[in-house]
Amino acid sequence: MRGSSSFLRDLPVLLVAVVWGSSFLAVQQVAEPGTVVAMLVLRFGLVLPLLGVVAWPALRGMGRAEWLGGGLLGLILGGVFLLETYGAVHTSATNAGLIISLTMVFTPLAESALARTPLPRAFLAAAGLAVVGVALLTGDGGLKAPTAGDLLVLGAAVVRTVNVLAMSRMRSIGDTDPLALTWVQLAAATAVFAAVAPFVGPLPWTVAASYGPAQWAWLLHLALLCTLFAFFVQMWAVRATSPSRVSLLLGTEPLWAAVFGITLAGNRLGPVGLLGGALVLVATEWGRRTTAAPGPVGSRTVDGERAVDTEPAATA
């Protein structure tokens, strides 16, 4: 009975990793280079009213400093979404999912540098292995430079690390309700997207009118499953199971991104590219286990990633 109960607690968290892994493929179904910003307005425009209803009591109790802190984090988060989404439409779903997982390596490295505390040698070895894996993955055995999409997703991993570090160090939001903080961040990012959308492509409602049933289904998948479902599962999971267990389950996200990319998107990797992808998976998991400790969980959410500890539940 105990094993069955443990499985039932783990299953929703594992499903979050699965839907996150599918998000890069989903983005490729609903966005093109010229419609990325409009799509982001639509995606989070669907999420904010629903999340806002639940977050309203906490939002009413927030002070000015908390709103400003959440807004600043939202601007950083907006940069993450822009880089990640533009990158996803310029590279394969497999590459995007594996490269973004480097956040799990970058964050401990950055924290170590800021705190001037050495990391375990095992983690440094894992970080080096991850770099080698990305080089093999993006070059696929040749001397080719990474594509623009690969570099954009790599930039998203770096900015995501900045977001995590800023969130953990910003005193004004230390006691802010995670649900309210997530709403403010997403609202700030969406406001920026809406402001610049008319200058970088078609208007959001023009893009919405062009979508067929399949594209609406993918957009709802991104909004409802990759964002709302993921957030609330993490809120529940950190109370129902251990942070380390949640972190390890969410760490399977890049594996699912590769599965969806290869099986559904038709991504094809040569032998060396497959080796590179495998090295990234092994290195990020090795690094995660090496630095595992009660505290930050996951690679995505804000309270979700910070109650849990990383940033609003939403990917790609």
Foldseek 3Di string as FASTA:
>chain_A
DVVVVVCVLLVLLLVLLLLLLCLLVLLLLQDALLCQLLLLLVLVVVQLVVLCVVCVVLLVVADPLLLVLLLVLLVLVLLLSVLLSSLSNFDFLLLLLLLLLCLLLVQVVVVCVVVVHDADPLLVVLNVLLVVLNCCQQQLPHPDDGTSSNVSSNVSSVSLSVSQVSLVPPPSCPPRDQSSSQSSSSVSSSVVSQVCSVVRHDHSVVSVVPDDPVSVVSSCSQRCSQAVSLLVSLVVSVVVDPQLSSQLSSLCNSVSNNVCRVPPVVDDGDPSSVVSSVSSSVSSNSNCVSPDDGAAGHADPRCSCHVNNGHGRGGD
